[in-house]
Amino acid sequence: MESIVVKESFKVTLLDTGESFNCTSQQHVLSAMSKMGKKGIPSGCHGGGCGVCKVKIMEGTYHTKKMSRAHVSIEEENAGCALACRVFPTSALSMNVIGKLQKNILKKTK
């Protein structure tokens, strides 16, 4: 018998801009965010080591994979900070972009 993996999709809202996008439970938030069509979303190692995709989750549930403590301390993680490349939603999320990610997400388009 074949097992079927159900990929739930959750709405992720960027509180900074009011924009939202869908992200599956099997997809990291950075990957889904890059499909929003914004140019220049910083995307480094995709392994939790470079720290360019830092976000602060304000509402919702998620799980993370290992992240560099040089970029996200235990205290920050406990306060909802994480690297978007290591965040997998388990419910709808509301978040703010912080650090290097802010520059490009909040950039005004002409």
N, C-alpha and C. Protein backbone atom coordinates (compact mmCIF):
# COMPACT_ATOMS: atom_id res chain seq x y z
N MET A 1 0.84 -1.18 0.00
CA MET A 1 0.00 0.00 0.00
C MET A 1 0.88 1.24 0.00
N GLU A 2 0.57 2.18 -0.88
CA GLU A 2 1.34 3.41 -0.99
C GLU A 2 0.88 4.42 0.05
N SER A 3 1.85 5.10 0.66
CA SER A 3 1.47 6.17 1.59
C SER A 3 1.36 7.48 0.82
N ILE A 4 0.40 8.26 1.18
CA ILE A 4 0.17 9.54 0.52
C ILE A 4 0.56 10.65 1.48
N VAL A 5 1.43 11.55 1.01
CA VAL A 5 1.85 12.69 1.81
C VAL A 5 0.94 13.86 1.48
N VAL A 6 0.23 14.35 2.47
CA VAL A 6 -0.66 15.48 2.27
C VAL A 6 0.12 16.76 2.58
N LYS A 7 0.18 17.63 1.60
CA LYS A 7 0.86 18.91 1.79
C LYS A 7 -0.18 19.97 2.08
N GLU A 8 -0.29 20.32 3.35
CA GLU A 8 -1.21 21.39 3.70
C GLU A 8 -0.61 22.72 3.28
N SER A 9 -1.44 23.65 2.89
CA SER A 9 -0.98 24.98 2.50
C SER A 9 -1.50 26.00 3.51
N PHE A 10 -0.63 26.90 3.90
CA PHE A 10 -0.98 27.90 4.89
C PHE A 10 -0.67 29.30 4.36
N LYS A 11 -1.50 30.26 4.76
CA LYS A 11 -1.29 31.65 4.39
C LYS A 11 -0.24 32.25 5.31
N VAL A 12 0.75 32.91 4.71
CA VAL A 12 1.79 33.61 5.46
C VAL A 12 1.65 35.09 5.13
N THR A 13 1.49 35.92 6.15
CA THR A 13 1.30 37.35 5.95
C THR A 13 2.52 38.10 6.45
N LEU A 14 3.03 39.01 5.60
CA LEU A 14 4.11 39.91 6.00
C LEU A 14 3.46 41.15 6.60
N LEU A 15 3.56 41.29 7.91
CA LEU A 15 2.91 42.42 8.58
C LEU A 15 3.49 43.75 8.14
N ASP A 16 4.76 43.76 7.73
CA ASP A 16 5.43 45.00 7.30
C ASP A 16 4.75 45.62 6.08
N THR A 17 4.24 44.78 5.18
CA THR A 17 3.69 45.28 3.91
C THR A 17 2.22 44.92 3.70
N GLY A 18 1.70 43.96 4.47
CA GLY A 18 0.34 43.50 4.27
C GLY A 18 0.23 42.43 3.19
N GLU A 19 1.34 42.10 2.54
CA GLU A 19 1.33 41.09 1.49
C GLU A 19 1.23 39.70 2.11
N SER A 20 0.70 38.77 1.34
CA SER A 20 0.64 37.39 1.82
C SER A 20 0.94 36.44 0.68
N PHE A 21 1.31 35.24 1.06
CA PHE A 21 1.60 34.19 0.10
C PHE A 21 1.29 32.86 0.75
N ASN A 22 1.17 31.82 -0.04
CA ASN A 22 0.89 30.49 0.49
C ASN A 22 2.19 29.70 0.61
N CYS A 23 2.25 28.90 1.65
CA CYS A 23 3.42 28.06 1.90
C CYS A 23 2.92 26.70 2.39
N THR A 24 3.43 25.63 1.80
CA THR A 24 3.02 24.31 2.24
C THR A 24 3.81 23.89 3.48
N SER A 25 3.32 22.90 4.16
CA SER A 25 3.98 22.40 5.35
C SER A 25 5.32 21.72 5.02
N GLN A 26 5.52 21.38 3.75
CA GLN A 26 6.75 20.73 3.31
C GLN A 26 7.75 21.71 2.69
N GLN A 27 7.41 23.00 2.69
CA GLN A 27 8.21 24.02 2.01
C GLN A 27 8.68 25.03 3.05
N HIS A 28 9.94 25.46 2.95
CA HIS A 28 10.36 26.50 3.89
C HIS A 28 9.83 27.85 3.44
N VAL A 29 9.63 28.73 4.38
CA VAL A 29 9.00 30.03 4.13
C VAL A 29 9.78 30.85 3.10
N LEU A 30 11.10 30.78 3.11
CA LEU A 30 11.89 31.55 2.14
C LEU A 30 11.58 31.13 0.72
N SER A 31 11.43 29.85 0.49
CA SER A 31 11.12 29.34 -0.84
C SER A 31 9.76 29.88 -1.32
N ALA A 32 8.77 29.83 -0.45
CA ALA A 32 7.44 30.34 -0.81
C ALA A 32 7.48 31.86 -1.00
N MET A 33 8.23 32.55 -0.16
CA MET A 33 8.33 34.01 -0.25
C MET A 33 8.95 34.43 -1.58
N SER A 34 9.91 33.66 -2.06
CA SER A 34 10.58 34.02 -3.32
C SER A 34 9.62 33.94 -4.50
N LYS A 35 8.54 33.20 -4.36
CA LYS A 35 7.56 33.08 -5.44
C LYS A 35 6.56 34.23 -5.46
N MET A 36 6.70 35.18 -4.52
CA MET A 36 5.81 36.36 -4.49
C MET A 36 6.08 37.29 -5.67
N GLY A 37 7.25 37.15 -6.29
CA GLY A 37 7.57 38.00 -7.43
C GLY A 37 8.39 39.22 -7.07
N LYS A 38 8.77 39.37 -5.81
CA LYS A 38 9.63 40.50 -5.44
C LYS A 38 11.03 40.21 -5.93
N LYS A 39 11.65 41.21 -6.52
CA LYS A 39 13.02 41.03 -7.00
C LYS A 39 13.99 41.28 -5.86
N GLY A 40 15.08 40.52 -5.88
CA GLY A 40 16.17 40.78 -4.95
C GLY A 40 15.97 40.28 -3.54
N ILE A 41 15.08 39.31 -3.32
CA ILE A 41 14.96 38.75 -1.98
C ILE A 41 16.27 38.06 -1.66
N PRO A 42 16.96 38.51 -0.60
CA PRO A 42 18.25 37.90 -0.29
C PRO A 42 18.07 36.42 0.00
N SER A 43 18.92 35.65 -0.60
CA SER A 43 18.82 34.21 -0.47
C SER A 43 20.24 33.67 -0.50
N GLY A 44 20.72 33.28 0.66
CA GLY A 44 22.09 32.83 0.73
C GLY A 44 22.22 31.33 0.66
N CYS A 45 22.52 30.74 1.77
CA CYS A 45 22.90 29.33 1.79
C CYS A 45 21.73 28.35 1.80
N HIS A 46 20.55 28.79 2.22
CA HIS A 46 19.36 27.93 2.37
C HIS A 46 19.59 26.79 3.37
N GLY A 47 20.57 26.96 4.23
CA GLY A 47 20.88 25.92 5.20
C GLY A 47 20.94 26.42 6.63
N GLY A 48 20.52 27.66 6.86
CA GLY A 48 20.50 28.19 8.22
C GLY A 48 21.83 28.71 8.71
N GLY A 49 22.78 28.93 7.81
CA GLY A 49 24.11 29.35 8.22
C GLY A 49 24.48 30.79 7.95
N CYS A 50 23.86 31.42 6.95
CA CYS A 50 24.31 32.77 6.57
C CYS A 50 23.54 33.90 7.26
N GLY A 51 22.30 33.66 7.64
CA GLY A 51 21.54 34.64 8.41
C GLY A 51 20.86 35.75 7.63
N VAL A 52 20.88 35.73 6.31
CA VAL A 52 20.30 36.85 5.56
C VAL A 52 18.77 36.85 5.52
N CYS A 53 18.13 35.76 5.88
CA CYS A 53 16.67 35.66 5.73
C CYS A 53 15.95 35.67 7.09
N LYS A 54 16.40 36.50 7.99
CA LYS A 54 15.86 36.52 9.36
C LYS A 54 14.46 37.14 9.41
N VAL A 55 13.57 36.47 10.13
CA VAL A 55 12.20 36.93 10.30
C VAL A 55 11.81 36.81 11.78
N LYS A 56 10.74 37.48 12.14
CA LYS A 56 10.17 37.33 13.48
C LYS A 56 8.72 36.91 13.31
N ILE A 57 8.41 35.72 13.77
CA ILE A 57 7.05 35.19 13.69
C ILE A 57 6.25 35.81 14.83
N MET A 58 5.17 36.49 14.47
CA MET A 58 4.34 37.17 15.46
C MET A 58 3.13 36.32 15.87
N GLU A 59 2.60 35.54 14.92
CA GLU A 59 1.45 34.67 15.20
C GLU A 59 1.58 33.41 14.37
N GLY A 60 1.08 32.31 14.92
CA GLY A 60 1.03 31.06 14.20
C GLY A 60 2.01 30.04 14.77
N THR A 61 1.90 28.83 14.24
CA THR A 61 2.76 27.75 14.70
C THR A 61 3.60 27.24 13.54
N TYR A 62 4.77 26.75 13.88
CA TYR A 62 5.74 26.33 12.87
C TYR A 62 6.79 25.45 13.54
N HIS A 63 7.58 24.81 12.73
CA HIS A 63 8.75 24.13 13.27
C HIS A 63 9.95 24.59 12.47
N THR A 64 11.12 24.49 13.07
CA THR A 64 12.33 24.93 12.40
C THR A 64 13.34 23.79 12.34
N LYS A 65 14.22 23.91 11.40
CA LYS A 65 15.39 23.04 11.35
C LYS A 65 16.54 23.81 11.98
N LYS A 66 17.67 23.17 12.12
CA LYS A 66 18.83 23.76 12.77
C LYS A 66 19.25 25.08 12.12
N MET A 67 19.53 26.08 12.97
CA MET A 67 19.97 27.40 12.52
C MET A 67 21.26 27.77 13.24
N SER A 68 22.07 28.58 12.60
CA SER A 68 23.32 29.04 13.21
C SER A 68 23.04 29.94 14.40
N ARG A 69 23.62 29.63 15.53
CA ARG A 69 23.47 30.47 16.73
C ARG A 69 24.18 31.80 16.56
N ALA A 70 25.05 31.92 15.58
CA ALA A 70 25.69 33.20 15.29
C ALA A 70 24.68 34.21 14.76
N HIS A 71 23.57 33.70 14.22
CA HIS A 71 22.56 34.58 13.62
C HIS A 71 21.24 34.61 14.39
N VAL A 72 20.92 33.53 15.10
CA VAL A 72 19.70 33.47 15.90
C VAL A 72 20.06 32.83 17.25
N SER A 73 20.08 33.67 18.27
CA SER A 73 20.39 33.16 19.60
C SER A 73 19.20 32.38 20.16
N ILE A 74 19.42 31.64 21.22
CA ILE A 74 18.33 30.91 21.87
C ILE A 74 17.26 31.90 22.35
N GLU A 75 17.69 33.04 22.89
CA GLU A 75 16.74 34.05 23.36
C GLU A 75 15.90 34.58 22.21
N GLU A 76 16.55 34.87 21.06
CA GLU A 76 15.82 35.36 19.90
C GLU A 76 14.84 34.30 19.39
N GLU A 77 15.31 33.06 19.33
CA GLU A 77 14.43 31.98 18.87
C GLU A 77 13.21 31.84 19.77
N ASN A 78 13.42 31.94 21.07
CA ASN A 78 12.30 31.87 22.02
C ASN A 78 11.34 33.04 21.86
N ALA A 79 11.83 34.17 21.32
CA ALA A 79 11.00 35.35 21.08
C ALA A 79 10.36 35.33 19.69
N GLY A 80 10.55 34.25 18.93
CA GLY A 80 9.90 34.13 17.63
C GLY A 80 10.79 34.41 16.43
N CYS A 81 12.07 34.72 16.65
CA CYS A 81 12.97 34.98 15.53
C CYS A 81 13.47 33.65 14.96
N ALA A 82 13.62 33.63 13.64
CA ALA A 82 14.11 32.44 12.96
C ALA A 82 14.62 32.85 11.59
N LEU A 83 15.26 31.92 10.92
CA LEU A 83 15.68 32.13 9.54
C LEU A 83 14.62 31.51 8.64
N ALA A 84 14.11 32.30 7.70
CA ALA A 84 12.99 31.87 6.86
C ALA A 84 13.30 30.58 6.10
N CYS A 85 14.57 30.33 5.83
CA CYS A 85 14.94 29.10 5.11
C CYS A 85 14.85 27.87 5.99
N ARG A 86 14.58 28.07 7.29
CA ARG A 86 14.49 26.94 8.22
C ARG A 86 13.12 26.85 8.88
N VAL A 87 12.16 27.69 8.45
CA VAL A 87 10.81 27.73 9.03
C VAL A 87 9.83 26.99 8.13
N PHE A 88 9.11 26.04 8.72
CA PHE A 88 8.08 25.27 8.03
C PHE A 88 6.77 25.47 8.78
N PRO A 89 5.75 26.07 8.15
CA PRO A 89 4.50 26.38 8.86
C PRO A 89 3.68 25.15 9.21
N THR A 90 3.01 25.22 10.35
CA THR A 90 2.02 24.20 10.73
C THR A 90 0.66 24.86 10.93
N SER A 91 0.59 26.17 10.67
CA SER A 91 -0.66 26.94 10.68
C SER A 91 -0.39 28.21 9.87
N ALA A 92 -1.40 29.05 9.74
CA ALA A 92 -1.19 30.36 9.12
C ALA A 92 -0.19 31.12 9.98
N LEU A 93 0.66 31.93 9.34
CA LEU A 93 1.67 32.71 10.06
C LEU A 93 1.53 34.19 9.75
N SER A 94 1.84 35.02 10.73
CA SER A 94 2.03 36.45 10.55
C SER A 94 3.44 36.74 11.01
N MET A 95 4.19 37.50 10.19
CA MET A 95 5.58 37.73 10.56
C MET A 95 6.07 39.08 10.06
N ASN A 96 7.17 39.51 10.66
CA ASN A 96 7.88 40.70 10.22
C ASN A 96 9.23 40.25 9.68
N VAL A 97 9.71 40.97 8.67
CA VAL A 97 11.06 40.70 8.18
C VAL A 97 12.02 41.58 8.95
N ILE A 98 13.18 41.04 9.28
CA ILE A 98 14.17 41.80 10.04
C ILE A 98 15.55 41.60 9.41
N GLY A 99 16.50 42.39 9.82
CA GLY A 99 17.86 42.25 9.32
C GLY A 99 17.97 42.57 7.84
N LYS A 100 18.82 41.83 7.15
CA LYS A 100 19.12 42.08 5.74
C LYS A 100 17.91 41.88 4.83
N LEU A 101 16.98 41.06 5.24
CA LEU A 101 15.80 40.79 4.44
C LEU A 101 14.90 42.02 4.32
N GLN A 102 14.92 42.86 5.35
CA GLN A 102 14.07 44.05 5.38
C GLN A 102 14.31 44.98 4.20
N LYS A 103 15.57 45.19 3.86
CA LYS A 103 15.93 46.14 2.81
C LYS A 103 15.19 45.87 1.50
N ASN A 104 15.14 44.63 1.09
CA ASN A 104 14.53 44.31 -0.19
C ASN A 104 13.02 44.10 -0.12
N ILE A 105 12.53 43.57 0.97
CA ILE A 105 11.09 43.35 1.11
C ILE A 105 10.36 44.68 1.23
N LEU A 106 10.95 45.61 1.96
CA LEU A 106 10.29 46.89 2.20
C LEU A 106 10.62 47.94 1.17
N LYS A 107 11.43 47.58 0.16
CA LYS A 107 11.81 48.53 -0.89
C LYS A 107 10.58 48.99 -1.64
N LYS A 108 10.49 50.26 -1.85
CA LYS A 108 9.38 50.83 -2.62
C LYS A 108 9.57 50.51 -4.09
N THR A 109 8.50 50.09 -4.74
CA THR A 109 8.57 49.85 -6.19
C THR A 109 7.95 51.03 -6.91
N LYS A 110 8.51 51.35 -8.05
CA LYS A 110 8.02 52.52 -8.82
C LYS A 110 7.00 52.10 -9.83
